[in-house]
Amino acid sequence: MINKPFYLILHHSATRDDYVLSNFEAIKRYHMSYAIDGYTVSREEYFKQKKKDPNRYYKPAWSDIGYHAVIEMEQGEVKIKKGRKFDVTGAHAYQKMPDVNGNMVSINNQSLGVCIVGNYDKTLLEEKYLKEAVGYVSLLLVLYKIPIKNVLGHNEIPGVTKSCPGNLISMNYVRERIEDHIGWLI
């Protein structure tokens, strides 16, 4: 399906950023794997367990990473890695939000998903990380004509109970920084 971005949703990976060299690749492998209660399993085990105990959390294998971009630290440098193509529907938030015409549509069908690697329930977002994220998001907003008010933390979508992008990230502060950045960008 064609994605027509009207929102940009920020996420965090809820993992340590220094655990593997490329968190992007680890996240992509997980998204493209079958999982039960957060643990990857074989396709056969997935369907066997799903039939036996339907009350667990089952994540089917996706065709690609769920995000359109992942921002991570690699060997002391902030890297921005491209995930799904920007015109392809994401797999990062399933709730519905009003589209440009006011119709309730899946947020995946009308947003870009950007994941900042780290657990921002436990650690503060480093300034150089924040600066890169703000610059990148600002560029996407200008390119896709997305209003700053439509930059949301995953937890700001009605119906989401997760803390994502983390309790230690103030989305109001992030939006203020984006607004300041766009001011000199355009």
N, C-alpha and C. Protein backbone atom coordinates (compact mmCIF):
# COMPACT_ATOMS: atom_id res chain seq x y z
N MET A 1 0.84 -1.18 0.00
CA MET A 1 0.00 0.00 0.00
C MET A 1 0.89 1.25 0.00
N ILE A 2 0.45 2.27 -0.62
CA ILE A 2 1.19 3.53 -0.69
C ILE A 2 0.97 4.30 0.61
N ASN A 3 2.06 4.76 1.19
CA ASN A 3 2.01 5.56 2.40
C ASN A 3 2.00 7.03 2.01
N LYS A 4 1.03 7.78 2.52
CA LYS A 4 0.97 9.22 2.29
C LYS A 4 1.12 9.89 3.65
N PRO A 5 2.36 10.22 4.03
CA PRO A 5 2.61 10.69 5.39
C PRO A 5 1.92 12.00 5.74
N PHE A 6 1.18 11.95 6.83
CA PHE A 6 0.53 13.11 7.42
C PHE A 6 1.02 13.27 8.87
N TYR A 7 1.66 12.20 9.39
CA TYR A 7 2.21 12.18 10.73
C TYR A 7 3.65 11.64 10.66
N LEU A 8 4.41 11.93 11.69
CA LEU A 8 5.70 11.30 11.90
C LEU A 8 5.69 10.81 13.34
N ILE A 9 5.90 9.51 13.52
CA ILE A 9 5.82 8.90 14.84
C ILE A 9 7.22 8.52 15.32
N LEU A 10 7.57 9.01 16.52
CA LEU A 10 8.87 8.68 17.11
C LEU A 10 8.73 7.50 18.06
N HIS A 11 9.69 6.61 17.97
CA HIS A 11 9.74 5.41 18.80
C HIS A 11 11.11 5.32 19.46
N HIS A 12 11.22 4.43 20.44
CA HIS A 12 12.53 4.02 20.93
C HIS A 12 12.56 2.50 20.88
N SER A 13 13.75 1.94 20.85
CA SER A 13 13.87 0.49 20.74
C SER A 13 13.70 -0.20 22.09
N ALA A 14 13.79 0.57 23.19
CA ALA A 14 13.71 0.04 24.55
C ALA A 14 14.83 -0.98 24.82
N THR A 15 15.93 -0.83 24.10
CA THR A 15 17.11 -1.68 24.28
C THR A 15 18.33 -0.80 24.50
N ARG A 16 19.39 -1.41 24.98
CA ARG A 16 20.66 -0.68 25.10
C ARG A 16 21.20 -0.40 23.72
N ASP A 17 21.81 0.77 23.55
CA ASP A 17 22.34 1.12 22.24
C ASP A 17 23.72 0.54 21.97
N ASP A 18 24.40 0.06 22.99
CA ASP A 18 25.76 -0.45 22.77
C ASP A 18 25.83 -1.97 22.80
N TYR A 19 24.68 -2.63 22.69
CA TYR A 19 24.64 -4.09 22.83
C TYR A 19 25.21 -4.81 21.61
N VAL A 20 24.91 -4.34 20.42
CA VAL A 20 25.44 -4.92 19.17
C VAL A 20 25.95 -3.78 18.30
N LEU A 21 26.80 -4.11 17.34
CA LEU A 21 27.35 -3.07 16.46
C LEU A 21 26.24 -2.39 15.67
N SER A 22 25.32 -3.17 15.10
CA SER A 22 24.24 -2.58 14.32
C SER A 22 22.90 -2.99 14.92
N ASN A 23 22.33 -2.10 15.72
CA ASN A 23 21.00 -2.34 16.26
C ASN A 23 19.97 -2.42 15.16
N PHE A 24 20.17 -1.63 14.09
CA PHE A 24 19.27 -1.65 12.95
C PHE A 24 19.09 -3.08 12.43
N GLU A 25 20.20 -3.77 12.22
CA GLU A 25 20.13 -5.14 11.70
C GLU A 25 19.43 -6.08 12.69
N ALA A 26 19.70 -5.90 13.99
CA ALA A 26 19.06 -6.75 15.00
C ALA A 26 17.55 -6.50 15.04
N ILE A 27 17.15 -5.23 14.96
CA ILE A 27 15.72 -4.90 14.95
C ILE A 27 15.06 -5.47 13.69
N LYS A 28 15.73 -5.32 12.56
CA LYS A 28 15.19 -5.83 11.31
C LYS A 28 15.01 -7.36 11.36
N ARG A 29 16.02 -8.05 11.89
CA ARG A 29 15.92 -9.52 12.03
C ARG A 29 14.73 -9.89 12.91
N TYR A 30 14.57 -9.17 14.02
CA TYR A 30 13.45 -9.47 14.92
C TYR A 30 12.11 -9.22 14.21
N HIS A 31 11.97 -8.08 13.54
CA HIS A 31 10.71 -7.76 12.85
C HIS A 31 10.39 -8.78 11.76
N MET A 32 11.41 -9.35 11.14
CA MET A 32 11.19 -10.31 10.06
C MET A 32 11.13 -11.76 10.55
N SER A 33 11.10 -11.93 11.89
CA SER A 33 11.02 -13.26 12.50
C SER A 33 9.66 -13.45 13.16
N TYR A 34 9.30 -14.69 13.37
CA TYR A 34 8.13 -15.01 14.18
C TYR A 34 8.55 -14.89 15.64
N ALA A 35 7.65 -14.41 16.49
CA ALA A 35 7.98 -14.28 17.91
C ALA A 35 6.76 -14.59 18.77
N ILE A 36 7.05 -15.16 19.93
CA ILE A 36 6.02 -15.43 20.94
C ILE A 36 6.50 -14.75 22.21
N ASP A 37 5.67 -13.88 22.76
CA ASP A 37 6.01 -13.14 23.98
C ASP A 37 7.37 -12.46 23.87
N GLY A 38 7.71 -11.96 22.68
CA GLY A 38 8.94 -11.22 22.48
C GLY A 38 10.16 -12.06 22.14
N TYR A 39 10.04 -13.37 22.11
CA TYR A 39 11.17 -14.25 21.79
C TYR A 39 10.98 -14.86 20.42
N THR A 40 12.02 -14.81 19.60
CA THR A 40 11.91 -15.36 18.25
C THR A 40 11.83 -16.88 18.29
N VAL A 41 11.02 -17.40 17.39
CA VAL A 41 10.81 -18.84 17.28
C VAL A 41 10.71 -19.20 15.80
N SER A 42 10.80 -20.47 15.52
CA SER A 42 10.65 -20.93 14.13
C SER A 42 9.19 -20.77 13.71
N ARG A 43 8.99 -20.77 12.42
CA ARG A 43 7.63 -20.68 11.87
C ARG A 43 6.75 -21.81 12.40
N GLU A 44 7.33 -23.02 12.41
CA GLU A 44 6.60 -24.21 12.86
C GLU A 44 6.18 -24.07 14.33
N GLU A 45 7.12 -23.63 15.17
CA GLU A 45 6.82 -23.47 16.60
C GLU A 45 5.77 -22.38 16.81
N TYR A 46 5.86 -21.32 16.05
CA TYR A 46 4.91 -20.22 16.13
C TYR A 46 3.48 -20.73 15.94
N PHE A 47 3.24 -21.46 14.85
CA PHE A 47 1.89 -21.92 14.54
C PHE A 47 1.45 -23.04 15.48
N LYS A 48 2.38 -23.87 15.92
CA LYS A 48 2.06 -24.93 16.87
C LYS A 48 1.59 -24.32 18.20
N GLN A 49 2.34 -23.35 18.72
CA GLN A 49 1.99 -22.72 20.00
C GLN A 49 0.72 -21.87 19.88
N LYS A 50 0.56 -21.20 18.75
CA LYS A 50 -0.62 -20.35 18.56
C LYS A 50 -1.90 -21.17 18.60
N LYS A 51 -1.82 -22.38 18.06
CA LYS A 51 -2.97 -23.28 18.06
C LYS A 51 -3.24 -23.79 19.48
N LYS A 52 -2.15 -24.08 20.21
CA LYS A 52 -2.24 -24.67 21.54
C LYS A 52 -2.64 -23.63 22.61
N ASP A 53 -2.07 -22.43 22.56
CA ASP A 53 -2.30 -21.42 23.59
C ASP A 53 -2.48 -20.04 22.96
N PRO A 54 -3.71 -19.68 22.57
CA PRO A 54 -3.95 -18.42 21.87
C PRO A 54 -3.83 -17.17 22.76
N ASN A 55 -3.62 -17.33 24.06
CA ASN A 55 -3.61 -16.19 24.98
C ASN A 55 -2.25 -15.52 25.14
N ARG A 56 -1.26 -15.96 24.40
CA ARG A 56 0.07 -15.34 24.47
C ARG A 56 0.18 -14.25 23.40
N TYR A 57 1.28 -13.47 23.44
CA TYR A 57 1.49 -12.43 22.42
C TYR A 57 2.23 -13.05 21.24
N TYR A 58 1.58 -13.07 20.08
CA TYR A 58 2.16 -13.65 18.86
C TYR A 58 2.42 -12.55 17.84
N LYS A 59 3.68 -12.45 17.40
CA LYS A 59 4.04 -11.48 16.36
C LYS A 59 4.44 -12.28 15.12
N PRO A 60 3.68 -12.14 14.04
CA PRO A 60 4.06 -12.83 12.80
C PRO A 60 5.29 -12.17 12.19
N ALA A 61 5.93 -12.88 11.30
CA ALA A 61 7.09 -12.31 10.59
C ALA A 61 6.59 -11.23 9.63
N TRP A 62 7.26 -10.08 9.64
CA TRP A 62 6.92 -9.00 8.73
C TRP A 62 7.82 -9.07 7.51
N SER A 63 7.45 -8.38 6.46
CA SER A 63 8.22 -8.40 5.21
C SER A 63 9.49 -7.57 5.29
N ASP A 64 9.59 -6.67 6.29
CA ASP A 64 10.74 -5.78 6.41
C ASP A 64 10.72 -5.20 7.83
N ILE A 65 11.70 -4.41 8.15
CA ILE A 65 11.68 -3.68 9.41
C ILE A 65 10.44 -2.80 9.43
N GLY A 66 9.86 -2.58 10.59
CA GLY A 66 8.61 -1.82 10.68
C GLY A 66 8.77 -0.32 10.50
N TYR A 67 9.98 0.20 10.76
CA TYR A 67 10.23 1.63 10.73
C TYR A 67 10.73 2.09 9.36
N HIS A 68 10.57 3.37 9.10
CA HIS A 68 11.11 3.96 7.87
C HIS A 68 12.56 4.39 8.07
N ALA A 69 12.94 4.63 9.32
CA ALA A 69 14.32 5.01 9.63
C ALA A 69 14.64 4.63 11.06
N VAL A 70 15.91 4.35 11.29
CA VAL A 70 16.41 4.04 12.63
C VAL A 70 17.63 4.92 12.87
N ILE A 71 17.65 5.58 14.01
CA ILE A 71 18.79 6.42 14.38
C ILE A 71 19.51 5.70 15.51
N GLU A 72 20.80 5.44 15.32
CA GLU A 72 21.56 4.71 16.34
C GLU A 72 22.98 5.22 16.43
N MET A 73 23.61 4.89 17.53
CA MET A 73 25.01 5.24 17.76
C MET A 73 25.85 4.05 17.35
N GLU A 74 26.83 4.28 16.48
CA GLU A 74 27.76 3.23 16.08
C GLU A 74 29.17 3.75 16.26
N GLN A 75 29.90 3.13 17.14
CA GLN A 75 31.29 3.50 17.40
C GLN A 75 31.45 5.01 17.64
N GLY A 76 30.55 5.54 18.47
CA GLY A 76 30.62 6.95 18.87
C GLY A 76 30.00 7.94 17.91
N GLU A 77 29.51 7.49 16.77
CA GLU A 77 28.88 8.39 15.79
C GLU A 77 27.41 8.06 15.62
N VAL A 78 26.60 9.09 15.48
CA VAL A 78 25.17 8.90 15.24
C VAL A 78 24.98 8.56 13.77
N LYS A 79 24.28 7.46 13.52
CA LYS A 79 24.01 7.00 12.15
C LYS A 79 22.51 6.96 11.93
N ILE A 80 22.09 7.36 10.76
CA ILE A 80 20.68 7.26 10.38
C ILE A 80 20.58 6.21 9.30
N LYS A 81 19.81 5.17 9.59
CA LYS A 81 19.69 4.05 8.66
C LYS A 81 18.28 4.01 8.09
N LYS A 82 18.20 3.87 6.79
CA LYS A 82 16.92 3.84 6.10
C LYS A 82 16.30 2.44 6.21
N GLY A 83 15.06 2.41 6.63
CA GLY A 83 14.32 1.16 6.74
C GLY A 83 13.44 0.96 5.52
N ARG A 84 12.15 0.87 5.76
CA ARG A 84 11.20 0.73 4.65
C ARG A 84 11.28 1.97 3.76
N LYS A 85 10.93 1.78 2.50
CA LYS A 85 10.83 2.94 1.61
C LYS A 85 9.76 3.87 2.17
N PHE A 86 9.96 5.16 2.00
CA PHE A 86 9.04 6.13 2.58
C PHE A 86 7.64 6.06 2.00
N ASP A 87 7.49 5.53 0.78
CA ASP A 87 6.15 5.43 0.20
C ASP A 87 5.48 4.09 0.51
N VAL A 88 6.11 3.27 1.36
CA VAL A 88 5.55 1.98 1.75
C VAL A 88 5.00 2.09 3.17
N THR A 89 3.82 1.52 3.38
CA THR A 89 3.19 1.54 4.69
C THR A 89 4.10 0.91 5.73
N GLY A 90 4.21 1.57 6.88
CA GLY A 90 5.03 1.06 7.98
C GLY A 90 4.31 -0.01 8.78
N ALA A 91 5.01 -0.52 9.77
CA ALA A 91 4.44 -1.50 10.70
C ALA A 91 4.95 -1.13 12.10
N HIS A 92 4.59 0.07 12.54
CA HIS A 92 5.13 0.56 13.80
C HIS A 92 4.05 1.03 14.77
N ALA A 93 2.82 1.19 14.32
CA ALA A 93 1.71 1.59 15.19
C ALA A 93 0.42 1.26 14.45
N TYR A 94 -0.47 0.53 15.07
CA TYR A 94 -1.66 0.07 14.34
C TYR A 94 -2.93 0.87 14.64
N GLN A 95 -2.89 1.76 15.62
CA GLN A 95 -4.10 2.50 15.98
C GLN A 95 -4.54 3.42 14.84
N LYS A 96 -5.76 3.94 14.98
CA LYS A 96 -6.29 4.84 13.95
C LYS A 96 -6.22 6.28 14.43
N MET A 97 -5.97 7.16 13.47
CA MET A 97 -5.93 8.61 13.71
C MET A 97 -6.61 9.28 12.53
N PRO A 98 -7.09 10.51 12.72
CA PRO A 98 -7.72 11.22 11.59
C PRO A 98 -6.69 11.51 10.50
N ASP A 99 -7.07 11.28 9.25
CA ASP A 99 -6.18 11.62 8.13
C ASP A 99 -6.40 13.08 7.75
N VAL A 100 -5.80 13.50 6.66
CA VAL A 100 -5.88 14.89 6.21
C VAL A 100 -7.33 15.33 5.96
N ASN A 101 -8.23 14.37 5.68
CA ASN A 101 -9.65 14.67 5.44
C ASN A 101 -10.53 14.43 6.66
N GLY A 102 -9.92 14.02 7.78
CA GLY A 102 -10.68 13.76 9.00
C GLY A 102 -11.19 12.34 9.14
N ASN A 103 -10.90 11.47 8.17
CA ASN A 103 -11.32 10.07 8.25
C ASN A 103 -10.37 9.30 9.17
N MET A 104 -10.91 8.38 9.96
CA MET A 104 -10.08 7.57 10.85
C MET A 104 -9.41 6.45 10.03
N VAL A 105 -8.08 6.49 10.00
CA VAL A 105 -7.28 5.57 9.19
C VAL A 105 -6.13 5.06 10.04
N SER A 106 -5.68 3.84 9.78
CA SER A 106 -4.53 3.29 10.49
C SER A 106 -3.36 4.27 10.42
N ILE A 107 -2.71 4.50 11.55
CA ILE A 107 -1.57 5.41 11.58
C ILE A 107 -0.45 4.90 10.68
N ASN A 108 -0.34 3.58 10.52
CA ASN A 108 0.69 3.02 9.63
C ASN A 108 0.50 3.48 8.19
N ASN A 109 -0.73 3.70 7.79
CA ASN A 109 -1.02 4.09 6.41
C ASN A 109 -0.82 5.57 6.14
N GLN A 110 -0.47 6.33 7.17
CA GLN A 110 -0.38 7.77 6.98
C GLN A 110 0.75 8.39 7.81
N SER A 111 1.80 7.61 8.04
CA SER A 111 2.89 8.16 8.85
C SER A 111 4.24 7.59 8.45
N LEU A 112 5.27 8.29 8.89
CA LEU A 112 6.62 7.77 8.83
C LEU A 112 6.99 7.38 10.25
N GLY A 113 7.58 6.23 10.42
CA GLY A 113 8.00 5.76 11.73
C GLY A 113 9.51 5.87 11.86
N VAL A 114 9.97 6.58 12.88
CA VAL A 114 11.40 6.75 13.12
C VAL A 114 11.70 6.23 14.53
N CYS A 115 12.64 5.32 14.61
CA CYS A 115 13.04 4.72 15.88
C CYS A 115 14.41 5.26 16.30
N ILE A 116 14.49 5.76 17.52
CA ILE A 116 15.77 6.16 18.10
C ILE A 116 16.19 5.03 19.02
N VAL A 117 17.32 4.39 18.72
CA VAL A 117 17.76 3.24 19.50
C VAL A 117 18.15 3.69 20.90
N GLY A 118 17.67 2.98 21.89
CA GLY A 118 17.95 3.24 23.29
C GLY A 118 16.70 3.03 24.11
N ASN A 119 16.87 3.02 25.42
CA ASN A 119 15.74 2.88 26.33
C ASN A 119 15.59 4.18 27.09
N TYR A 120 14.69 5.02 26.65
CA TYR A 120 14.51 6.34 27.23
C TYR A 120 13.47 6.36 28.34
N ASP A 121 13.23 5.18 28.91
CA ASP A 121 12.57 5.07 30.20
C ASP A 121 13.66 5.04 31.28
N LYS A 122 14.87 4.66 30.89
CA LYS A 122 15.96 4.47 31.85
C LYS A 122 17.11 5.47 31.69
N THR A 123 17.34 5.97 30.49
CA THR A 123 18.45 6.89 30.26
C THR A 123 17.97 8.12 29.49
N LEU A 124 18.65 9.21 29.71
CA LEU A 124 18.34 10.44 28.98
C LEU A 124 18.87 10.36 27.56
N LEU A 125 18.17 10.97 26.64
CA LEU A 125 18.61 11.05 25.25
C LEU A 125 19.78 12.04 25.19
N GLU A 126 20.93 11.57 24.73
CA GLU A 126 22.11 12.43 24.64
C GLU A 126 21.86 13.58 23.67
N GLU A 127 22.48 14.71 23.94
CA GLU A 127 22.29 15.92 23.13
C GLU A 127 22.64 15.68 21.67
N LYS A 128 23.76 14.97 21.40
CA LYS A 128 24.12 14.78 19.98
C LYS A 128 23.12 13.87 19.27
N TYR A 129 22.54 12.94 20.01
CA TYR A 129 21.47 12.10 19.46
C TYR A 129 20.26 12.97 19.13
N LEU A 130 19.86 13.78 20.11
CA LEU A 130 18.70 14.64 19.94
C LEU A 130 18.90 15.59 18.76
N LYS A 131 20.08 16.18 18.66
CA LYS A 131 20.37 17.12 17.57
C LYS A 131 20.23 16.45 16.21
N GLU A 132 20.79 15.25 16.06
CA GLU A 132 20.68 14.51 14.79
C GLU A 132 19.22 14.14 14.50
N ALA A 133 18.51 13.68 15.52
CA ALA A 133 17.10 13.30 15.34
C ALA A 133 16.27 14.51 14.91
N VAL A 134 16.48 15.64 15.58
CA VAL A 134 15.75 16.86 15.24
C VAL A 134 16.05 17.30 13.81
N GLY A 135 17.31 17.26 13.42
CA GLY A 135 17.68 17.64 12.06
C GLY A 135 17.04 16.74 11.02
N TYR A 136 17.09 15.44 11.26
CA TYR A 136 16.53 14.46 10.31
C TYR A 136 15.01 14.60 10.22
N VAL A 137 14.35 14.65 11.37
CA VAL A 137 12.89 14.78 11.39
C VAL A 137 12.47 16.09 10.72
N SER A 138 13.19 17.17 11.00
CA SER A 138 12.86 18.47 10.38
C SER A 138 12.90 18.37 8.86
N LEU A 139 13.91 17.71 8.34
CA LEU A 139 14.04 17.53 6.89
C LEU A 139 12.84 16.75 6.34
N LEU A 140 12.46 15.68 7.02
CA LEU A 140 11.31 14.88 6.57
C LEU A 140 10.02 15.71 6.60
N LEU A 141 9.86 16.53 7.62
CA LEU A 141 8.65 17.36 7.71
C LEU A 141 8.56 18.33 6.54
N VAL A 142 9.69 18.94 6.21
CA VAL A 142 9.71 19.89 5.08
C VAL A 142 9.43 19.15 3.78
N LEU A 143 10.10 18.02 3.57
CA LEU A 143 9.93 17.25 2.32
C LEU A 143 8.49 16.77 2.12
N TYR A 144 7.87 16.30 3.21
CA TYR A 144 6.53 15.72 3.10
C TYR A 144 5.42 16.67 3.53
N LYS A 145 5.79 17.91 3.87
CA LYS A 145 4.81 18.93 4.29
C LYS A 145 3.95 18.44 5.47
N ILE A 146 4.62 17.82 6.44
CA ILE A 146 3.96 17.33 7.65
C ILE A 146 4.02 18.45 8.69
N PRO A 147 2.87 18.82 9.27
CA PRO A 147 2.88 19.87 10.31
C PRO A 147 3.63 19.40 11.56
N ILE A 148 4.32 20.33 12.22
CA ILE A 148 5.07 19.99 13.44
C ILE A 148 4.16 19.37 14.49
N LYS A 149 2.92 19.85 14.59
CA LYS A 149 1.99 19.29 15.58
C LYS A 149 1.70 17.81 15.33
N ASN A 150 2.02 17.33 14.12
CA ASN A 150 1.79 15.92 13.79
C ASN A 150 3.02 15.05 14.01
N VAL A 151 4.02 15.59 14.67
CA VAL A 151 5.15 14.77 15.15
C VAL A 151 4.72 14.28 16.52
N LEU A 152 4.51 12.99 16.63
CA LEU A 152 3.99 12.41 17.86
C LEU A 152 4.92 11.33 18.40
N GLY A 153 4.98 11.25 19.70
CA GLY A 153 5.58 10.07 20.31
C GLY A 153 4.57 8.95 20.18
N HIS A 154 5.04 7.73 20.06
CA HIS A 154 4.14 6.59 19.92
C HIS A 154 3.09 6.61 21.04
N ASN A 155 3.51 7.01 22.26
CA ASN A 155 2.60 7.02 23.40
C ASN A 155 1.55 8.12 23.33
N GLU A 156 1.66 9.04 22.38
CA GLU A 156 0.67 10.11 22.22
C GLU A 156 -0.49 9.71 21.31
N ILE A 157 -0.41 8.54 20.72
CA ILE A 157 -1.50 8.04 19.87
C ILE A 157 -2.58 7.46 20.78
N PRO A 158 -3.82 7.89 20.63
CA PRO A 158 -4.89 7.35 21.48
C PRO A 158 -4.92 5.81 21.42
N GLY A 159 -5.01 5.21 22.59
CA GLY A 159 -5.08 3.75 22.69
C GLY A 159 -3.75 3.08 22.95
N VAL A 160 -2.63 3.81 22.84
CA VAL A 160 -1.31 3.23 23.11
C VAL A 160 -1.05 3.28 24.61
N THR A 161 -0.66 2.14 25.18
CA THR A 161 -0.37 2.08 26.61
C THR A 161 1.13 2.02 26.89
N LYS A 162 1.96 1.92 25.85
CA LYS A 162 3.41 1.88 26.02
C LYS A 162 3.94 3.26 26.36
N SER A 163 5.13 3.32 26.92
CA SER A 163 5.77 4.61 27.22
C SER A 163 6.53 5.15 26.02
N CYS A 164 6.66 4.38 24.99
CA CYS A 164 7.44 4.71 23.79
C CYS A 164 7.11 6.10 23.27
N PRO A 165 8.04 6.97 23.02
CA PRO A 165 9.49 6.81 22.91
C PRO A 165 10.26 6.93 24.22
N GLY A 166 9.58 6.76 25.33
CA GLY A 166 10.26 6.76 26.62
C GLY A 166 9.78 7.88 27.52
N ASN A 167 9.65 7.56 28.80
CA ASN A 167 9.19 8.55 29.78
C ASN A 167 10.15 9.71 29.97
N LEU A 168 11.42 9.54 29.57
CA LEU A 168 12.41 10.60 29.75
C LEU A 168 12.55 11.49 28.52
N ILE A 169 11.68 11.30 27.54
CA ILE A 169 11.67 12.18 26.36
C ILE A 169 10.41 13.04 26.43
N SER A 170 10.61 14.34 26.43
CA SER A 170 9.49 15.28 26.40
C SER A 170 9.20 15.60 24.93
N MET A 171 8.06 15.14 24.44
CA MET A 171 7.71 15.40 23.05
C MET A 171 7.46 16.89 22.82
N ASN A 172 6.99 17.61 23.82
CA ASN A 172 6.82 19.06 23.65
C ASN A 172 8.18 19.71 23.41
N TYR A 173 9.19 19.29 24.16
CA TYR A 173 10.54 19.83 23.98
C TYR A 173 11.07 19.46 22.60
N VAL A 174 10.85 18.22 22.17
CA VAL A 174 11.30 17.77 20.85
C VAL A 174 10.64 18.62 19.76
N ARG A 175 9.33 18.85 19.87
CA ARG A 175 8.63 19.67 18.87
C ARG A 175 9.15 21.10 18.87
N GLU A 176 9.47 21.66 20.05
CA GLU A 176 10.04 23.01 20.12
C GLU A 176 11.39 23.06 19.40
N ARG A 177 12.21 22.04 19.61
CA ARG A 177 13.52 21.98 18.96
C ARG A 177 13.36 21.86 17.44
N ILE A 178 12.37 21.08 17.01
CA ILE A 178 12.11 20.93 15.57
C ILE A 178 11.66 22.27 14.99
N GLU A 179 10.78 22.95 15.70
CA GLU A 179 10.29 24.25 15.22
C GLU A 179 11.46 25.24 15.08
N ASP A 180 12.36 25.26 16.05
CA ASP A 180 13.54 26.13 15.97
C ASP A 180 14.41 25.74 14.77
N HIS A 181 14.59 24.45 14.56
CA HIS A 181 15.43 23.97 13.47
C HIS A 181 14.83 24.29 12.10
N ILE A 182 13.53 24.06 11.97
CA ILE A 182 12.87 24.35 10.68
C ILE A 182 12.92 25.83 10.37
N GLY A 183 12.92 26.66 11.39
CA GLY A 183 13.00 28.10 11.19
C GLY A 183 14.18 28.52 10.37
N TRP A 184 15.33 27.87 10.54
CA TRP A 184 16.49 28.24 9.72
C TRP A 184 16.65 27.32 8.52
N LEU A 185 15.87 26.21 8.49
CA LEU A 185 15.97 25.27 7.37
C LEU A 185 15.24 25.79 6.14
N ILE A 186 14.09 26.50 6.37
CA ILE A 186 13.31 26.98 5.22
C ILE A 186 13.45 28.48 5.04
